[in-house]
């Protein structure tokens, strides 16, 4: 699921492809896709699981991600901690929120 979310950063996606990936990945589908896509293309190198907690119908999945951020000066590797809130929605789990862990 986290890997699919990174597919939203592909700059060669048509609107229909973006909507299709968003609906498979995010609660609220294409409405949320533009928020997560942002302006900086990214690539995922690795995911390390830190912890998973549950709060009713939502899971909080804390991970350390190694990302490649494409900048004007070329690619830049970053290691960041994130918490993904994953929610049961329409008979499947989807990402509801992504936030950096400080």
C-alpha atoms as a PDB file:
ATOM      1  CA  UNK A   1       0.000   0.000   0.000  1.00  0.00           C
ATOM      2  CA  UNK A   2       2.796   2.442   0.861  1.00  0.00           C
ATOM      3  CA  UNK A   3       4.545   1.487  -2.376  1.00  0.00           C
ATOM      4  CA  UNK A   4       1.371   2.264  -4.345  1.00  0.00           C
ATOM      5  CA  UNK A   5       1.186   5.688  -2.716  1.00  0.00           C
ATOM      6  CA  UNK A   6       4.594   6.504  -4.244  1.00  0.00           C
ATOM      7  CA  UNK A   7       3.219   5.730  -7.706  1.00  0.00           C
ATOM      8  CA  UNK A   8       1.240   8.983  -7.329  1.00  0.00           C
ATOM      9  CA  UNK A   9       4.533  10.893  -7.751  1.00  0.00           C
ATOM     10  CA  UNK A  10       5.050   9.702 -11.333  1.00  0.00           C
ATOM     11  CA  UNK A  11       4.910  12.780 -13.514  1.00  0.00           C
ATOM     12  CA  UNK A  12       3.783  10.901 -16.630  1.00  0.00           C
ATOM     13  CA  UNK A  13       0.420   9.745 -15.200  1.00  0.00           C
ATOM     14  CA  UNK A  14      -2.770  10.651 -16.968  1.00  0.00           C
ATOM     15  CA  UNK A  15      -5.607  12.003 -14.837  1.00  0.00           C
ATOM     16  CA  UNK A  16      -7.402   8.662 -15.121  1.00  0.00           C
ATOM     17  CA  UNK A  17      -4.319   6.718 -13.990  1.00  0.00           C
ATOM     18  CA  UNK A  18      -3.851   9.079 -11.039  1.00  0.00           C
ATOM     19  CA  UNK A  19      -7.481   8.617  -9.986  1.00  0.00           C
ATOM     20  CA  UNK A  20      -7.227   4.826 -10.331  1.00  0.00           C
ATOM     21  CA  UNK A  21      -4.109   4.602  -8.118  1.00  0.00           C
ATOM     22  CA  UNK A  22      -5.582   7.036  -5.601  1.00  0.00           C
ATOM     23  CA  UNK A  23      -8.791   5.015  -5.273  1.00  0.00           C
ATOM     24  CA  UNK A  24      -6.757   1.855  -4.598  1.00  0.00           C
ATOM     25  CA  UNK A  25      -4.557   3.589  -2.041  1.00  0.00           C
ATOM     26  CA  UNK A  26      -6.212   6.524  -0.276  1.00  0.00           C
ATOM     27  CA  UNK A  27      -9.441   7.128   1.583  1.00  0.00           C
ATOM     28  CA  UNK A  28     -11.269   9.759  -0.521  1.00  0.00           C
ATOM     29  CA  UNK A  29      -9.354   8.688  -3.642  1.00  0.00           C
ATOM     30  CA  UNK A  30      -8.609  11.436  -6.155  1.00  0.00           C
ATOM     31  CA  UNK A  31      -9.643  14.179  -3.730  1.00  0.00           C
ATOM     32  CA  UNK A  32      -6.699  13.280  -1.492  1.00  0.00           C
ATOM     33  CA  UNK A  33      -4.275  12.434  -4.299  1.00  0.00           C
ATOM     34  CA  UNK A  34      -3.460  16.040  -5.132  1.00  0.00           C
ATOM     35  CA  UNK A  35      -2.645  16.718  -1.468  1.00  0.00           C
ATOM     36  CA  UNK A  36      -0.189  13.809  -1.229  1.00  0.00           C
ATOM     37  CA  UNK A  37       1.343  14.234  -4.657  1.00  0.00           C
ATOM     38  CA  UNK A  38       2.873  17.619  -3.887  1.00  0.00           C
ATOM     39  CA  UNK A  39       5.334  19.312  -6.226  1.00  0.00           C
ATOM     40  CA  UNK A  40       8.486  17.268  -5.590  1.00  0.00           C
ATOM     41  CA  UNK A  41       8.715  13.871  -7.341  1.00  0.00           C
ATOM     42  CA  UNK A  42       9.880  11.111  -4.991  1.00  0.00           C
ATOM     43  CA  UNK A  43      11.027   7.517  -5.251  1.00  0.00           C
ATOM     44  CA  UNK A  44      10.930   4.950  -2.466  1.00  0.00           C
ATOM     45  CA  UNK A  45      14.116   3.010  -1.749  1.00  0.00           C
ATOM     46  CA  UNK A  46      13.213   1.093   1.402  1.00  0.00           C
ATOM     47  CA  UNK A  47      10.674   0.694   4.207  1.00  0.00           C
ATOM     48  CA  UNK A  48      11.578  -0.353   7.744  1.00  0.00           C
ATOM     49  CA  UNK A  49       8.674  -1.166  10.055  1.00  0.00           C
ATOM     50  CA  UNK A  50       8.885   0.470  13.457  1.00  0.00           C
ATOM     51  CA  UNK A  51       5.543  -0.154  15.124  1.00  0.00           C
ATOM     52  CA  UNK A  52       1.850  -0.731  14.554  1.00  0.00           C
ATOM     53  CA  UNK A  53      -0.884   0.403  16.938  1.00  0.00           C
ATOM     54  CA  UNK A  54      -4.648   0.120  16.640  1.00  0.00           C
ATOM     55  CA  UNK A  55      -7.374   2.605  17.473  1.00  0.00           C
ATOM     56  CA  UNK A  56     -10.828   1.093  16.747  1.00  0.00           C
ATOM     57  CA  UNK A  57     -11.080   0.750  12.917  1.00  0.00           C
ATOM     58  CA  UNK A  58      -7.803   2.571  12.236  1.00  0.00           C
ATOM     59  CA  UNK A  59      -4.209   1.341  12.381  1.00  0.00           C
ATOM     60  CA  UNK A  60      -1.216   3.609  12.893  1.00  0.00           C
ATOM     61  CA  UNK A  61       1.806   2.241  11.091  1.00  0.00           C
ATOM     62  CA  UNK A  62       5.067   3.974  12.007  1.00  0.00           C
ATOM     63  CA  UNK A  63       7.879   3.383   9.522  1.00  0.00           C
ATOM     64  CA  UNK A  64      11.279   4.670   8.523  1.00  0.00           C
ATOM     65  CA  UNK A  65      11.373   5.390   4.793  1.00  0.00           C
ATOM     66  CA  UNK A  66      14.417   5.998   2.639  1.00  0.00           C
ATOM     67  CA  UNK A  67      13.315   8.250  -0.195  1.00  0.00           C
ATOM     68  CA  UNK A  68      14.947   9.839  -3.215  1.00  0.00           C
ATOM     69  CA  UNK A  69      13.789  13.437  -3.622  1.00  0.00           C
ATOM     70  CA  UNK A  70      14.395  14.871  -7.084  1.00  0.00           C
ATOM     71  CA  UNK A  71      15.613  18.470  -6.710  1.00  0.00           C
ATOM     72  CA  UNK A  72      17.007  21.095  -9.083  1.00  0.00           C
ATOM     73  CA  UNK A  73      20.501  19.961  -8.012  1.00  0.00           C
ATOM     74  CA  UNK A  74      19.798  16.292  -8.771  1.00  0.00           C
ATOM     75  CA  UNK A  75      18.604  13.399  -6.610  1.00  0.00           C
ATOM     76  CA  UNK A  76      18.853  13.701  -2.827  1.00  0.00           C
ATOM     77  CA  UNK A  77      18.485  10.669  -0.525  1.00  0.00           C
ATOM     78  CA  UNK A  78      16.498  11.270   2.676  1.00  0.00           C
ATOM     79  CA  UNK A  79      15.645   9.009   5.589  1.00  0.00           C
ATOM     80  CA  UNK A  80      12.413  10.075   7.296  1.00  0.00           C
ATOM     81  CA  UNK A  81      10.108   8.641   9.949  1.00  0.00           C
ATOM     82  CA  UNK A  82       6.404   8.709   9.052  1.00  0.00           C
ATOM     83  CA  UNK A  83       3.165   7.560  10.580  1.00  0.00           C
ATOM     84  CA  UNK A  84       0.585   6.219   8.147  1.00  0.00           C
ATOM     85  CA  UNK A  85      -2.971   6.057   9.441  1.00  0.00           C
ATOM     86  CA  UNK A  86      -4.608   3.143   7.673  1.00  0.00           C
ATOM     87  CA  UNK A  87      -8.372   2.808   7.792  1.00  0.00           C
ATOM     88  CA  UNK A  88     -10.845   0.074   6.880  1.00  0.00           C
ATOM     89  CA  UNK A  89     -12.897   1.639   4.091  1.00  0.00           C
ATOM     90  CA  UNK A  90     -15.336  -0.113   1.759  1.00  0.00           C
ATOM     91  CA  UNK A  91     -14.024  -3.614   2.497  1.00  0.00           C
ATOM     92  CA  UNK A  92     -10.333  -2.752   2.176  1.00  0.00           C
ATOM     93  CA  UNK A  93      -7.560  -0.940   4.009  1.00  0.00           C
ATOM     94  CA  UNK A  94      -6.622   2.482   2.642  1.00  0.00           C
ATOM     95  CA  UNK A  95      -4.256   5.256   3.724  1.00  0.00           C
ATOM     96  CA  UNK A  96      -6.176   8.000   5.510  1.00  0.00           C
ATOM     97  CA  UNK A  97      -3.310  10.244   6.613  1.00  0.00           C
ATOM     98  CA  UNK A  98       0.459  10.497   6.353  1.00  0.00           C
ATOM     99  CA  UNK A  99       2.439  12.623   8.754  1.00  0.00           C
ATOM    100  CA  UNK A 100       6.138  12.962   9.581  1.00  0.00           C
ATOM    101  CA  UNK A 101       7.177  11.802  13.042  1.00  0.00           C
ATOM    102  CA  UNK A 102       9.092  14.488  14.867  1.00  0.00           C
END
